[in-house]
Amino acid sequence: ISGDEAIERAVKAVKCARNYVDDVQFYA
């Protein structure tokens, strides 16, 4: 995938996780 696609997926995942917990860790 492209870099922009990766960022889009990452943001979507973080926002999704925030729906369940307040503490979200992202790994690059």
PDB file of all heavy atoms in Angstrom:
ATOM      1  N   ILE A   1       0.855  -1.187   0.000  1.00  0.00           N
ATOM      2  CA  ILE A   1       0.000   0.000   0.000  1.00  0.00           C
ATOM      3  C   ILE A   1       0.889   1.235   0.000  1.00  0.00           C
ATOM      4  O   ILE A   1       2.097   1.163   0.248  1.00  0.00           O
ATOM      5  CB  ILE A   1      -0.935   0.031   1.223  1.00  0.00           C
ATOM      6  CG1 ILE A   1      -0.113   0.024   2.527  1.00  0.00           C
ATOM      7  CG2 ILE A   1      -1.931  -1.117   1.188  1.00  0.00           C
ATOM      8  CD1 ILE A   1      -0.960   0.158   3.789  1.00  0.00           C
ATOM      9  N   SER A   2       0.294   2.386  -0.261  1.00  0.00           N
ATOM     10  CA  SER A   2       1.038   3.642  -0.239  1.00  0.00           C
ATOM     11  C   SER A   2       1.157   4.159   1.182  1.00  0.00           C
ATOM     12  O   SER A   2       0.443   3.703   2.094  1.00  0.00           O
ATOM     13  CB  SER A   2       0.325   4.682  -1.099  1.00  0.00           C
ATOM     14  OG  SER A   2      -0.910   5.053  -0.495  1.00  0.00           O
ATOM     15  N   GLY A   3       2.001   5.154   1.356  1.00  0.00           N
ATOM     16  CA  GLY A   3       2.144   5.758   2.670  1.00  0.00           C
ATOM     17  C   GLY A   3       0.860   6.405   3.147  1.00  0.00           C
ATOM     18  O   GLY A   3       0.493   6.295   4.320  1.00  0.00           O
ATOM     19  N   ASP A   4       0.148   7.065   2.236  1.00  0.00           N
ATOM     20  CA  ASP A   4      -1.106   7.719   2.607  1.00  0.00           C
ATOM     21  C   ASP A   4      -2.152   6.688   3.048  1.00  0.00           C
ATOM     22  O   ASP A   4      -2.909   6.923   3.996  1.00  0.00           O
ATOM     23  CB  ASP A   4      -1.646   8.533   1.423  1.00  0.00           C
ATOM     24  CG  ASP A   4      -0.829   9.800   1.180  1.00  0.00           C
ATOM     25  OD1 ASP A   4      -0.099  10.210   2.104  1.00  0.00           O
ATOM     26  OD2 ASP A   4      -0.930  10.364   0.074  1.00  0.00           O
ATOM     27  N   GLU A   5      -2.163   5.541   2.370  1.00  0.00           N
ATOM     28  CA  GLU A   5      -3.096   4.480   2.757  1.00  0.00           C
ATOM     29  C   GLU A   5      -2.764   3.947   4.149  1.00  0.00           C
ATOM     30  O   GLU A   5      -3.661   3.635   4.950  1.00  0.00           O
ATOM     31  CB  GLU A   5      -3.065   3.345   1.736  1.00  0.00           C
ATOM     32  CG  GLU A   5      -3.731   3.668   0.413  1.00  0.00           C
ATOM     33  CD  GLU A   5      -3.592   2.529  -0.584  1.00  0.00           C
ATOM     34  OE1 GLU A   5      -2.439   2.215  -0.972  1.00  0.00           O
ATOM     35  OE2 GLU A   5      -4.625   1.956  -0.968  1.00  0.00           O
ATOM     36  N   ALA A   6      -1.467   3.810   4.430  1.00  0.00           N
ATOM     37  CA  ALA A   6      -1.041   3.331   5.745  1.00  0.00           C
ATOM     38  C   ALA A   6      -1.485   4.288   6.839  1.00  0.00           C
ATOM     39  O   ALA A   6      -1.976   3.871   7.906  1.00  0.00           O
ATOM     40  CB  ALA A   6       0.468   3.151   5.781  1.00  0.00           C
ATOM     41  N   ILE A   7      -1.329   5.593   6.598  1.00  0.00           N
ATOM     42  CA  ILE A   7      -1.744   6.590   7.584  1.00  0.00           C
ATOM     43  C   ILE A   7      -3.252   6.527   7.795  1.00  0.00           C
ATOM     44  O   ILE A   7      -3.752   6.601   8.926  1.00  0.00           O
ATOM     45  CB  ILE A   7      -1.306   8.007   7.137  1.00  0.00           C
ATOM     46  CG1 ILE A   7       0.227   8.120   7.218  1.00  0.00           C
ATOM     47  CG2 ILE A   7      -1.963   9.077   8.008  1.00  0.00           C
ATOM     48  CD1 ILE A   7       0.792   9.403   6.657  1.00  0.00           C
ATOM     49  N   GLU A   8      -3.989   6.372   6.694  1.00  0.00           N
ATOM     50  CA  GLU A   8      -5.452   6.284   6.788  1.00  0.00           C
ATOM     51  C   GLU A   8      -5.865   5.089   7.651  1.00  0.00           C
ATOM     52  O   GLU A   8      -6.747   5.197   8.515  1.00  0.00           O
ATOM     53  CB  GLU A   8      -6.042   6.164   5.382  1.00  0.00           C
ATOM     54  CG  GLU A   8      -7.566   6.153   5.351  1.00  0.00           C
ATOM     55  CD  GLU A   8      -8.112   5.996   3.938  1.00  0.00           C
ATOM     56  OE1 GLU A   8      -7.352   6.224   2.969  1.00  0.00           O
ATOM     57  OE2 GLU A   8      -9.295   5.617   3.811  1.00  0.00           O
ATOM     58  N   ARG A   9      -5.237   3.930   7.430  1.00  0.00           N
ATOM     59  CA  ARG A   9      -5.545   2.731   8.213  1.00  0.00           C
ATOM     60  C   ARG A   9      -5.191   2.939   9.685  1.00  0.00           C
ATOM     61  O   ARG A   9      -5.917   2.507  10.592  1.00  0.00           O
ATOM     62  CB  ARG A   9      -4.794   1.527   7.667  1.00  0.00           C
ATOM     63  CG  ARG A   9      -5.323   0.994   6.348  1.00  0.00           C
ATOM     64  CD  ARG A   9      -4.678  -0.359   6.065  1.00  0.00           C
ATOM     65  NE  ARG A   9      -4.941  -0.801   4.702  1.00  0.00           N
ATOM     66  CZ  ARG A   9      -4.513  -1.961   4.208  1.00  0.00           C
ATOM     67  NH1 ARG A   9      -3.770  -2.774   4.963  1.00  0.00           N
ATOM     68  NH2 ARG A   9      -4.794  -2.296   2.958  1.00  0.00           N
ATOM     69  N   ALA A  10      -4.033   3.564   9.915  1.00  0.00           N
ATOM     70  CA  ALA A  10      -3.568   3.782  11.289  1.00  0.00           C
ATOM     71  C   ALA A  10      -4.541   4.667  12.061  1.00  0.00           C
ATOM     72  O   ALA A  10      -4.911   4.360  13.212  1.00  0.00           O
ATOM     73  CB  ALA A  10      -2.182   4.411  11.268  1.00  0.00           C
ATOM     74  N   VAL A  11      -4.951   5.755  11.448  1.00  0.00           N
ATOM     75  CA  VAL A  11      -5.877   6.683  12.100  1.00  0.00           C
ATOM     76  C   VAL A  11      -7.213   5.990  12.393  1.00  0.00           C
ATOM     77  O   VAL A  11      -7.786   6.125  13.486  1.00  0.00           O
ATOM     78  CB  VAL A  11      -6.084   7.930  11.218  1.00  0.00           C
ATOM     79  CG1 VAL A  11      -7.251   8.770  11.738  1.00  0.00           C
ATOM     80  CG2 VAL A  11      -4.802   8.762  11.189  1.00  0.00           C
ATOM     81  N   LYS A  12      -7.701   5.230  11.419  1.00  0.00           N
ATOM     82  CA  LYS A  12      -8.957   4.514  11.591  1.00  0.00           C
ATOM     83  C   LYS A  12      -8.864   3.523  12.758  1.00  0.00           C
ATOM     84  O   LYS A  12      -9.797   3.392  13.564  1.00  0.00           O
ATOM     85  CB  LYS A  12      -9.302   3.787  10.292  1.00  0.00           C
ATOM     86  CG  LYS A  12     -10.660   3.104  10.309  1.00  0.00           C
ATOM     87  CD  LYS A  12     -10.949   2.437   8.966  1.00  0.00           C
ATOM     88  CE  LYS A  12     -12.295   1.711   8.995  1.00  0.00           C
ATOM     89  NZ  LYS A  12     -12.587   1.041   7.695  1.00  0.00           N
ATOM     90  N   ALA A  13      -7.720   2.821  12.859  1.00  0.00           N
ATOM     91  CA  ALA A  13      -7.532   1.836  13.932  1.00  0.00           C
ATOM     92  C   ALA A  13      -7.492   2.505  15.295  1.00  0.00           C
ATOM     93  O   ALA A  13      -8.095   2.016  16.266  1.00  0.00           O
ATOM     94  CB  ALA A  13      -6.252   1.054  13.683  1.00  0.00           C
ATOM     95  N   VAL A  14      -6.781   3.618  15.405  1.00  0.00           N
ATOM     96  CA  VAL A  14      -6.685   4.324  16.684  1.00  0.00           C
ATOM     97  C   VAL A  14      -8.062   4.831  17.113  1.00  0.00           C
ATOM     98  O   VAL A  14      -8.466   4.695  18.274  1.00  0.00           O
ATOM     99  CB  VAL A  14      -5.668   5.477  16.602  1.00  0.00           C
ATOM    100  CG1 VAL A  14      -5.751   6.367  17.851  1.00  0.00           C
ATOM    101  CG2 VAL A  14      -4.252   4.926  16.447  1.00  0.00           C
ATOM    102  N   LYS A  15      -8.794   5.407  16.188  1.00  0.00           N
ATOM    103  CA  LYS A  15     -10.129   5.912  16.516  1.00  0.00           C
ATOM    104  C   LYS A  15     -11.068   4.780  16.911  1.00  0.00           C
ATOM    105  O   LYS A  15     -11.876   4.922  17.837  1.00  0.00           O
ATOM    106  CB  LYS A  15     -10.690   6.690  15.328  1.00  0.00           C
ATOM    107  CG  LYS A  15     -10.014   8.046  15.119  1.00  0.00           C
ATOM    108  CD  LYS A  15     -10.652   8.811  13.961  1.00  0.00           C
ATOM    109  CE  LYS A  15     -10.041  10.216  13.841  1.00  0.00           C
ATOM    110  NZ  LYS A  15     -10.624  10.976  12.707  1.00  0.00           N
ATOM    111  N   CYS A  16     -10.934   3.651  16.216  1.00  0.00           N
ATOM    112  CA  CYS A  16     -11.756   2.485  16.556  1.00  0.00           C
ATOM    113  C   CYS A  16     -11.447   2.017  17.976  1.00  0.00           C
ATOM    114  O   CYS A  16     -12.355   1.750  18.779  1.00  0.00           O
ATOM    115  CB  CYS A  16     -11.511   1.371  15.548  1.00  0.00           C
ATOM    116  SG  CYS A  16     -12.431  -0.147  15.888  1.00  0.00           S
ATOM    117  N   ALA A  17     -10.162   1.908  18.307  1.00  0.00           N
ATOM    118  CA  ALA A  17      -9.747   1.450  19.640  1.00  0.00           C
ATOM    119  C   ALA A  17     -10.214   2.417  20.723  1.00  0.00           C
ATOM    120  O   ALA A  17     -10.591   1.999  21.832  1.00  0.00           O
ATOM    121  CB  ALA A  17      -8.234   1.286  19.688  1.00  0.00           C
ATOM    122  N   ARG A  18     -10.241   3.724  20.398  1.00  0.00           N
ATOM    123  CA  ARG A  18     -10.681   4.716  21.383  1.00  0.00           C
ATOM    124  C   ARG A  18     -12.161   4.583  21.714  1.00  0.00           C
ATOM    125  O   ARG A  18     -12.627   5.095  22.741  1.00  0.00           O
ATOM    126  CB  ARG A  18     -10.394   6.133  20.870  1.00  0.00           C
ATOM    127  CG  ARG A  18      -8.953   6.599  21.033  1.00  0.00           C
ATOM    128  CD  ARG A  18      -8.513   6.646  22.490  1.00  0.00           C
ATOM    129  NE  ARG A  18      -9.350   7.500  23.291  1.00  0.00           N
ATOM    130  CZ  ARG A  18      -9.095   8.779  23.558  1.00  0.00           C
ATOM    131  NH1 ARG A  18      -7.998   9.346  23.072  1.00  0.00           N
ATOM    132  NH2 ARG A  18      -9.919   9.480  24.307  1.00  0.00           N
ATOM    133  N   ASN A  19     -12.902   3.882  20.867  1.00  0.00           N
ATOM    134  CA  ASN A  19     -14.312   3.628  21.173  1.00  0.00           C
ATOM    135  C   ASN A  19     -14.471   2.644  22.328  1.00  0.00           C
ATOM    136  O   ASN A  19     -15.547   2.569  22.935  1.00  0.00           O
ATOM    137  CB  ASN A  19     -15.038   3.071  19.941  1.00  0.00           C
ATOM    138  CG  ASN A  19     -15.205   4.108  18.849  1.00  0.00           C
ATOM    139  OD1 ASN A  19     -15.347   5.303  19.134  1.00  0.00           O
ATOM    140  ND2 ASN A  19     -15.200   3.677  17.597  1.00  0.00           N
ATOM    141  N   TYR A  20     -13.410   1.895  22.610  1.00  0.00           N
ATOM    142  CA  TYR A  20     -13.480   0.845  23.630  1.00  0.00           C
ATOM    143  C   TYR A  20     -12.655   1.162  24.879  1.00  0.00           C
ATOM    144  O   TYR A  20     -13.028   0.763  25.984  1.00  0.00           O
ATOM    145  CB  TYR A  20     -13.013  -0.489  23.042  1.00  0.00           C
ATOM    146  CG  TYR A  20     -13.863  -0.960  21.883  1.00  0.00           C
ATOM    147  CD1 TYR A  20     -13.475  -0.734  20.570  1.00  0.00           C
ATOM    148  CD2 TYR A  20     -15.071  -1.618  22.116  1.00  0.00           C
ATOM    149  CE1 TYR A  20     -14.263  -1.155  19.502  1.00  0.00           C
ATOM    150  CE2 TYR A  20     -15.869  -2.056  21.055  1.00  0.00           C
ATOM    151  CZ  TYR A  20     -15.457  -1.809  19.751  1.00  0.00           C
ATOM    152  OH  TYR A  20     -16.240  -2.222  18.705  1.00  0.00           O
ATOM    153  N   VAL A  21     -11.509   1.811  24.686  1.00  0.00           N
ATOM    154  CA  VAL A  21     -10.619   2.129  25.820  1.00  0.00           C
ATOM    155  C   VAL A  21     -10.076   3.542  25.666  1.00  0.00           C
ATOM    156  O   VAL A  21      -9.990   4.074  24.557  1.00  0.00           O
ATOM    157  CB  VAL A  21      -9.434   1.130  25.918  1.00  0.00           C
ATOM    158  CG1 VAL A  21      -9.918  -0.278  26.208  1.00  0.00           C
ATOM    159  CG2 VAL A  21      -8.581   1.163  24.653  1.00  0.00           C
ATOM    160  N   ASP A  22      -9.705   4.138  26.775  1.00  0.00           N
ATOM    161  CA  ASP A  22      -9.116   5.481  26.727  1.00  0.00           C
ATOM    162  C   ASP A  22      -7.617   5.436  26.437  1.00  0.00           C
ATOM    163  O   ASP A  22      -7.039   6.425  25.984  1.00  0.00           O
ATOM    164  CB  ASP A  22      -9.335   6.198  28.056  1.00  0.00           C
ATOM    165  CG  ASP A  22     -10.806   6.508  28.305  1.00  0.00           C
ATOM    166  OD1 ASP A  22     -11.542   6.714  27.319  1.00  0.00           O
ATOM    167  OD2 ASP A  22     -11.211   6.515  29.488  1.00  0.00           O
ATOM    168  N   ASP A  23      -7.016   4.310  26.747  1.00  0.00           N
ATOM    169  CA  ASP A  23      -5.560   4.162  26.623  1.00  0.00           C
ATOM    170  C   ASP A  23      -5.247   3.346  25.367  1.00  0.00           C
ATOM    171  O   ASP A  23      -5.411   2.124  25.345  1.00  0.00           O
ATOM    172  CB  ASP A  23      -5.014   3.465  27.875  1.00  0.00           C
ATOM    173  CG  ASP A  23      -3.487   3.449  27.938  1.00  0.00           C
ATOM    174  OD1 ASP A  23      -2.836   3.994  27.027  1.00  0.00           O
ATOM    175  OD2 ASP A  23      -2.953   2.866  28.909  1.00  0.00           O
ATOM    176  N   VAL A  24      -4.803   4.040  24.309  1.00  0.00           N
ATOM    177  CA  VAL A  24      -4.494   3.375  23.037  1.00  0.00           C
ATOM    178  C   VAL A  24      -3.028   3.600  22.703  1.00  0.00           C
ATOM    179  O   VAL A  24      -2.542   4.744  22.689  1.00  0.00           O
ATOM    180  CB  VAL A  24      -5.380   3.905  21.886  1.00  0.00           C
ATOM    181  CG1 VAL A  24      -4.957   3.268  20.555  1.00  0.00           C
ATOM    182  CG2 VAL A  24      -6.843   3.618  22.165  1.00  0.00           C
ATOM    183  N   GLN A  25      -2.342   2.514  22.451  1.00  0.00           N
ATOM    184  CA  GLN A  25      -0.930   2.586  22.049  1.00  0.00           C
ATOM    185  C   GLN A  25      -0.826   2.224  20.580  1.00  0.00           C
ATOM    186  O   GLN A  25      -1.391   1.236  20.123  1.00  0.00           O
ATOM    187  CB  GLN A  25      -0.089   1.622  22.894  1.00  0.00           C
ATOM    188  CG  GLN A  25       1.389   1.592  22.511  1.00  0.00           C
ATOM    189  CD  GLN A  25       2.249   0.857  23.522  1.00  0.00           C
ATOM    190  OE1 GLN A  25       2.015   0.951  24.723  1.00  0.00           O
ATOM    191  NE2 GLN A  25       3.245   0.134  23.052  1.00  0.00           N
ATOM    192  N   PHE A  26      -0.063   3.043  19.852  1.00  0.00           N
ATOM    193  CA  PHE A  26       0.134   2.796  18.419  1.00  0.00           C
ATOM    194  C   PHE A  26       1.573   2.391  18.152  1.00  0.00           C
ATOM    195  O   PHE A  26       2.503   3.035  18.647  1.00  0.00           O
ATOM    196  CB  PHE A  26      -0.186   4.049  17.608  1.00  0.00           C
ATOM    197  CG  PHE A  26       0.124   3.902  16.134  1.00  0.00           C
ATOM    198  CD1 PHE A  26      -0.755   3.248  15.287  1.00  0.00           C
ATOM    199  CD2 PHE A  26       1.322   4.390  15.606  1.00  0.00           C
ATOM    200  CE1 PHE A  26      -0.460   3.082  13.932  1.00  0.00           C
ATOM    201  CE2 PHE A  26       1.629   4.222  14.262  1.00  0.00           C
ATOM    202  CZ  PHE A  26       0.739   3.566  13.423  1.00  0.00           C
ATOM    203  N   TYR A  27       1.777   1.296  17.394  1.00  0.00           N
ATOM    204  CA  TYR A  27       3.131   0.894  17.030  1.00  0.00           C
ATOM    205  C   TYR A  27       3.382   1.172  15.543  1.00  0.00           C
ATOM    206  O   TYR A  27       2.575   0.851  14.686  1.00  0.00           O
ATOM    207  CB  TYR A  27       3.400  -0.576  17.352  1.00  0.00           C
ATOM    208  CG  TYR A  27       2.568  -1.590  16.606  1.00  0.00           C
ATOM    209  CD1 TYR A  27       2.930  -2.024  15.329  1.00  0.00           C
ATOM    210  CD2 TYR A  27       1.432  -2.151  17.189  1.00  0.00           C
ATOM    211  CE1 TYR A  27       2.172  -2.977  14.654  1.00  0.00           C
ATOM    212  CE2 TYR A  27       0.670  -3.100  16.522  1.00  0.00           C
ATOM    213  CZ  TYR A  27       1.037  -3.508  15.254  1.00  0.00           C
ATOM    214  OH  TYR A  27       0.291  -4.441  14.580  1.00  0.00           O
ATOM    215  N   ALA A  28       4.505   1.820  15.283  1.00  0.00           N
ATOM    216  CA  ALA A  28       4.938   2.105  13.915  1.00  0.00           C
ATOM    217  C   ALA A  28       5.968   1.039  13.549  1.00  0.00           C
ATOM    218  O   ALA A  28       7.178   1.235  13.713  1.00  0.00           O
ATOM    219  CB  ALA A  28       5.542   3.501  13.829  1.00  0.00           C
TER     220      ALA A  28
END
